[in-house]
N, C-alpha and C. Protein backbone atom coordinates (compact mmCIF):
# COMPACT_ATOMS: atom_id res chain seq x y z
N UNK A 1 -58.88 73.28 27.34
CA UNK A 1 -58.31 72.87 26.13
C UNK A 1 -56.81 73.02 26.31
N UNK A 2 -56.30 74.06 26.99
CA UNK A 2 -54.95 74.25 27.16
C UNK A 2 -54.34 73.15 27.98
N UNK A 3 -54.89 72.65 29.02
CA UNK A 3 -54.46 71.52 29.83
C UNK A 3 -54.35 70.28 29.00
N UNK A 4 -55.38 70.03 28.15
CA UNK A 4 -55.40 68.83 27.26
C UNK A 4 -54.30 68.83 26.31
N UNK A 5 -54.10 70.01 25.63
CA UNK A 5 -52.96 70.18 24.65
C UNK A 5 -51.59 69.98 25.41
N UNK A 6 -51.46 70.48 26.60
CA UNK A 6 -50.19 70.26 27.36
C UNK A 6 -49.95 68.80 27.65
N UNK A 7 -51.00 68.07 28.01
CA UNK A 7 -50.81 66.64 28.29
C UNK A 7 -50.37 65.88 27.03
N UNK A 8 -51.06 66.18 25.97
CA UNK A 8 -50.67 65.54 24.63
C UNK A 8 -49.24 65.91 24.28
N UNK A 9 -48.89 67.10 24.43
CA UNK A 9 -47.48 67.54 23.98
C UNK A 9 -46.41 66.78 24.95
N UNK A 10 -46.74 66.68 26.26
CA UNK A 10 -45.78 66.03 27.10
C UNK A 10 -45.70 64.49 26.78
N UNK A 11 -46.86 63.92 26.45
CA UNK A 11 -46.77 62.45 26.07
C UNK A 11 -45.90 62.28 24.79
N UNK A 12 -45.94 63.21 23.85
CA UNK A 12 -45.20 63.05 22.63
C UNK A 12 -43.77 63.15 22.93
N UNK A 13 -43.42 64.12 23.83
CA UNK A 13 -41.98 64.40 24.25
C UNK A 13 -41.41 63.16 25.00
N UNK A 14 -42.28 62.67 25.88
CA UNK A 14 -41.79 61.47 26.73
C UNK A 14 -41.63 60.23 25.86
N UNK A 15 -42.48 60.10 24.81
CA UNK A 15 -42.34 58.91 23.93
C UNK A 15 -41.07 59.02 23.08
N UNK A 16 -40.76 60.25 22.67
CA UNK A 16 -39.55 60.51 21.90
C UNK A 16 -38.38 60.10 22.65
N UNK A 17 -38.26 60.53 23.97
CA UNK A 17 -37.00 60.23 24.70
C UNK A 17 -36.97 58.70 25.22
N UNK A 18 -38.19 58.15 25.33
CA UNK A 18 -38.22 56.69 25.72
C UNK A 18 -37.76 55.82 24.54
N UNK A 19 -38.21 56.20 23.34
CA UNK A 19 -37.76 55.46 22.15
C UNK A 19 -36.26 55.58 21.88
N UNK A 20 -35.65 56.57 22.34
CA UNK A 20 -34.24 56.67 22.08
C UNK A 20 -33.38 55.70 23.02
N UNK A 21 -34.06 55.30 24.15
CA UNK A 21 -33.36 54.31 25.00
C UNK A 21 -33.61 52.88 24.62
N UNK A 22 -34.66 52.55 23.79
CA UNK A 22 -35.08 51.27 23.46
C UNK A 22 -33.99 50.65 22.51
N UNK A 23 -33.78 49.45 22.68
CA UNK A 23 -32.90 48.79 21.69
C UNK A 23 -33.71 48.15 20.59
N UNK A 24 -33.12 47.96 19.48
CA UNK A 24 -33.82 47.34 18.41
C UNK A 24 -34.15 45.87 18.59
N UNK A 25 -35.31 45.44 18.03
CA UNK A 25 -35.68 44.05 18.17
C UNK A 25 -34.66 43.16 17.49
N UNK A 26 -34.32 42.01 18.08
CA UNK A 26 -33.38 41.10 17.30
C UNK A 26 -34.12 40.40 16.08
N UNK A 27 -33.40 40.08 15.08
CA UNK A 27 -33.95 39.56 13.92
C UNK A 27 -33.99 38.00 14.18
N UNK A 28 -35.19 37.51 14.60
CA UNK A 28 -35.27 36.09 14.84
C UNK A 28 -36.18 35.56 13.72
N UNK A 29 -35.77 34.32 13.13
CA UNK A 29 -36.53 33.68 12.11
C UNK A 29 -36.96 32.30 12.54
N UNK A 30 -37.93 31.77 11.72
CA UNK A 30 -38.34 30.42 11.90
C UNK A 30 -37.18 29.48 12.00
N UNK A 31 -37.21 28.51 13.05
CA UNK A 31 -36.26 27.45 13.18
C UNK A 31 -34.90 28.06 13.91
N UNK A 32 -34.89 29.35 14.33
CA UNK A 32 -33.92 29.92 15.15
C UNK A 32 -34.05 29.31 16.55
N UNK A 33 -32.88 29.08 17.25
CA UNK A 33 -32.95 28.54 18.61
C UNK A 33 -32.94 29.70 19.53
N UNK A 34 -33.73 29.78 20.58
CA UNK A 34 -33.77 30.76 21.50
C UNK A 34 -33.84 30.19 22.96
N UNK A 35 -33.42 30.96 23.95
CA UNK A 35 -33.69 30.64 25.32
C UNK A 35 -34.97 31.37 25.76
N UNK A 36 -35.64 30.80 26.74
CA UNK A 36 -36.95 31.31 27.23
C UNK A 36 -36.69 31.80 28.67
N UNK A 37 -37.05 32.94 29.01
CA UNK A 37 -36.91 33.42 30.27
C UNK A 37 -37.97 32.81 31.33
N UNK A 38 -37.42 32.51 32.50
CA UNK A 38 -38.43 31.83 33.44
C UNK A 38 -39.00 32.90 34.47
N UNK A 39 -38.86 34.07 34.15
CA UNK A 39 -39.26 35.29 34.88
C UNK A 39 -40.67 35.09 35.48
N UNK A 40 -41.62 34.81 34.55
CA UNK A 40 -43.20 34.73 35.00
C UNK A 40 -43.72 33.39 34.58
N UNK A 41 -42.95 32.37 34.54
CA UNK A 41 -43.43 30.91 34.30
C UNK A 41 -43.75 30.33 35.57
N UNK A 42 -44.79 29.49 35.54
CA UNK A 42 -45.11 28.66 36.83
C UNK A 42 -44.38 27.39 36.65
N UNK A 43 -43.17 27.25 37.11
CA UNK A 43 -42.40 26.04 37.09
C UNK A 43 -42.73 25.18 38.27
N UNK A 44 -42.39 23.89 38.23
CA UNK A 44 -42.67 22.97 39.34
C UNK A 44 -42.18 23.46 40.61
N UNK A 45 -42.96 23.22 41.66
CA UNK A 45 -42.55 23.62 43.03
C UNK A 45 -41.60 22.63 43.58
N UNK A 46 -41.05 22.89 44.73
CA UNK A 46 -40.18 22.00 45.41
C UNK A 46 -38.78 22.57 45.58
N UNK A 47 -38.48 23.46 44.83
CA UNK A 47 -37.09 24.07 44.92
C UNK A 47 -37.26 25.61 45.13
N UNK A 48 -36.32 26.15 45.80
CA UNK A 48 -36.37 27.55 46.09
C UNK A 48 -36.27 28.38 44.75
N UNK A 49 -36.92 29.44 44.51
CA UNK A 49 -36.97 30.09 43.19
C UNK A 49 -35.58 30.63 42.90
N UNK A 50 -34.73 31.02 43.89
CA UNK A 50 -33.42 31.47 43.64
C UNK A 50 -32.46 30.36 43.06
N UNK A 51 -32.90 29.06 43.17
CA UNK A 51 -32.09 27.99 42.60
C UNK A 51 -32.58 27.55 41.24
N UNK A 52 -33.72 28.05 40.77
CA UNK A 52 -34.09 27.72 39.47
C UNK A 52 -33.36 28.41 38.40
N UNK A 53 -33.34 27.88 37.14
CA UNK A 53 -32.52 28.61 36.12
C UNK A 53 -33.31 29.84 35.74
N UNK A 54 -32.51 30.86 35.31
CA UNK A 54 -33.09 32.07 34.85
C UNK A 54 -33.62 31.91 33.29
N UNK A 55 -33.04 30.99 32.62
CA UNK A 55 -33.48 30.73 31.19
C UNK A 55 -33.49 29.20 31.01
N UNK A 56 -34.48 28.80 30.19
CA UNK A 56 -34.57 27.39 29.84
C UNK A 56 -34.57 27.31 28.29
N UNK A 57 -34.11 26.16 27.86
CA UNK A 57 -34.04 25.96 26.37
C UNK A 57 -32.77 25.48 25.93
N UNK A 58 -32.36 25.50 24.74
CA UNK A 58 -32.99 26.33 23.63
C UNK A 58 -34.07 25.59 22.93
N UNK A 59 -35.08 26.38 22.44
CA UNK A 59 -36.24 25.97 21.77
C UNK A 59 -36.36 26.62 20.37
N UNK A 60 -36.81 25.85 19.42
CA UNK A 60 -36.86 26.37 18.08
C UNK A 60 -38.12 27.29 17.93
N UNK A 61 -38.02 28.29 17.12
CA UNK A 61 -39.15 29.13 16.80
C UNK A 61 -40.04 28.48 15.71
N UNK A 62 -41.23 28.41 15.91
CA UNK A 62 -42.09 27.77 14.92
C UNK A 62 -42.81 28.81 14.09
N UNK A 63 -43.21 29.95 14.63
CA UNK A 63 -44.04 30.93 14.00
C UNK A 63 -43.58 32.34 14.43
N UNK A 64 -43.53 33.19 13.53
CA UNK A 64 -43.14 34.68 13.82
C UNK A 64 -44.20 35.61 13.47
N UNK A 65 -44.49 36.49 14.51
CA UNK A 65 -45.51 37.58 14.25
C UNK A 65 -44.79 38.85 14.50
N UNK A 66 -44.10 39.36 13.51
CA UNK A 66 -43.27 40.54 13.64
C UNK A 66 -44.05 41.85 13.98
N UNK A 67 -45.28 41.87 13.57
CA UNK A 67 -45.99 43.09 13.73
C UNK A 67 -46.39 43.30 15.27
N UNK A 68 -46.57 42.19 16.02
CA UNK A 68 -46.71 42.28 17.47
C UNK A 68 -45.57 41.86 18.27
N UNK A 69 -44.44 41.52 17.69
CA UNK A 69 -43.20 41.03 18.39
C UNK A 69 -43.47 39.93 19.16
N UNK A 70 -44.29 38.90 18.76
CA UNK A 70 -44.59 37.67 19.40
C UNK A 70 -44.09 36.54 18.61
N UNK A 71 -43.63 35.47 19.27
CA UNK A 71 -43.02 34.33 18.62
C UNK A 71 -43.59 33.05 19.37
N UNK A 72 -43.93 32.07 18.40
CA UNK A 72 -44.46 30.77 18.89
C UNK A 72 -43.33 29.87 18.90
N UNK A 73 -43.09 29.19 20.06
CA UNK A 73 -42.00 28.18 20.20
C UNK A 73 -42.49 26.80 20.27
N UNK A 74 -41.58 25.86 20.01
CA UNK A 74 -41.91 24.52 20.05
C UNK A 74 -41.43 24.04 21.44
N UNK A 75 -42.35 24.00 22.44
CA UNK A 75 -42.09 23.64 23.80
C UNK A 75 -42.15 22.21 23.98
N UNK A 76 -41.52 21.59 24.95
CA UNK A 76 -41.73 20.15 25.25
C UNK A 76 -43.12 19.96 25.93
N UNK A 77 -43.51 18.71 25.93
CA UNK A 77 -44.89 18.40 26.47
C UNK A 77 -44.94 18.65 28.02
N UNK A 78 -43.82 18.58 28.72
CA UNK A 78 -43.78 18.80 30.18
C UNK A 78 -44.23 20.23 30.50
N UNK A 79 -43.79 21.28 29.67
CA UNK A 79 -44.22 22.57 29.91
C UNK A 79 -45.67 22.84 29.56
N UNK A 80 -46.11 22.17 28.47
CA UNK A 80 -47.62 22.23 28.12
C UNK A 80 -48.46 21.62 29.21
N UNK A 81 -47.98 20.52 29.93
CA UNK A 81 -48.83 20.01 31.01
C UNK A 81 -48.93 21.05 32.13
N UNK A 82 -48.03 21.88 32.31
CA UNK A 82 -48.09 22.81 33.39
C UNK A 82 -48.85 24.07 33.04
N UNK A 83 -49.51 24.02 31.82
CA UNK A 83 -50.45 25.09 31.35
C UNK A 83 -49.67 26.29 30.78
N UNK A 84 -48.42 26.07 30.34
CA UNK A 84 -47.65 27.17 29.76
C UNK A 84 -47.98 27.23 28.24
N UNK A 85 -48.44 28.45 27.86
CA UNK A 85 -48.78 28.69 26.46
C UNK A 85 -47.55 28.92 25.61
N UNK A 86 -47.54 28.51 24.37
CA UNK A 86 -46.28 28.54 23.56
C UNK A 86 -46.03 29.84 22.70
N UNK A 87 -46.69 30.90 23.12
CA UNK A 87 -46.46 32.19 22.37
C UNK A 87 -45.94 33.14 23.39
N UNK A 88 -44.76 33.86 22.97
CA UNK A 88 -44.13 34.76 23.94
C UNK A 88 -43.72 36.03 23.21
N UNK A 89 -43.60 37.09 23.99
CA UNK A 89 -43.04 38.35 23.55
C UNK A 89 -41.57 38.32 23.41
N UNK A 90 -41.03 39.14 22.50
CA UNK A 90 -39.55 38.96 22.24
C UNK A 90 -38.70 39.41 23.55
N UNK A 91 -39.41 40.19 24.48
CA UNK A 91 -38.68 40.52 25.67
C UNK A 91 -38.34 39.36 26.57
N UNK A 92 -39.13 38.22 26.45
CA UNK A 92 -38.87 37.05 27.18
C UNK A 92 -37.93 36.08 26.46
N UNK A 93 -37.50 36.41 25.27
CA UNK A 93 -36.61 35.45 24.59
C UNK A 93 -35.15 35.95 24.66
């Protein structure tokens, strides 16, 4: 039990210090224009990845899920054809 309590206590302390370094989520609303990170998107092949843009857009926000920090964007049909879903976490915007 002592080991279990020590693990729980250390998790609480680590969360406290990690939360101090986190920045607040930006206030994004419906119809706001945002750029989308291409970090984990499967973009068309044929060009070296270092020559691809880091962000694409701007795209309007269609739906806001503030409890999960997810946002639904209005993406062009070209991206939908590549199988890119239109819901993204705030860290990618």
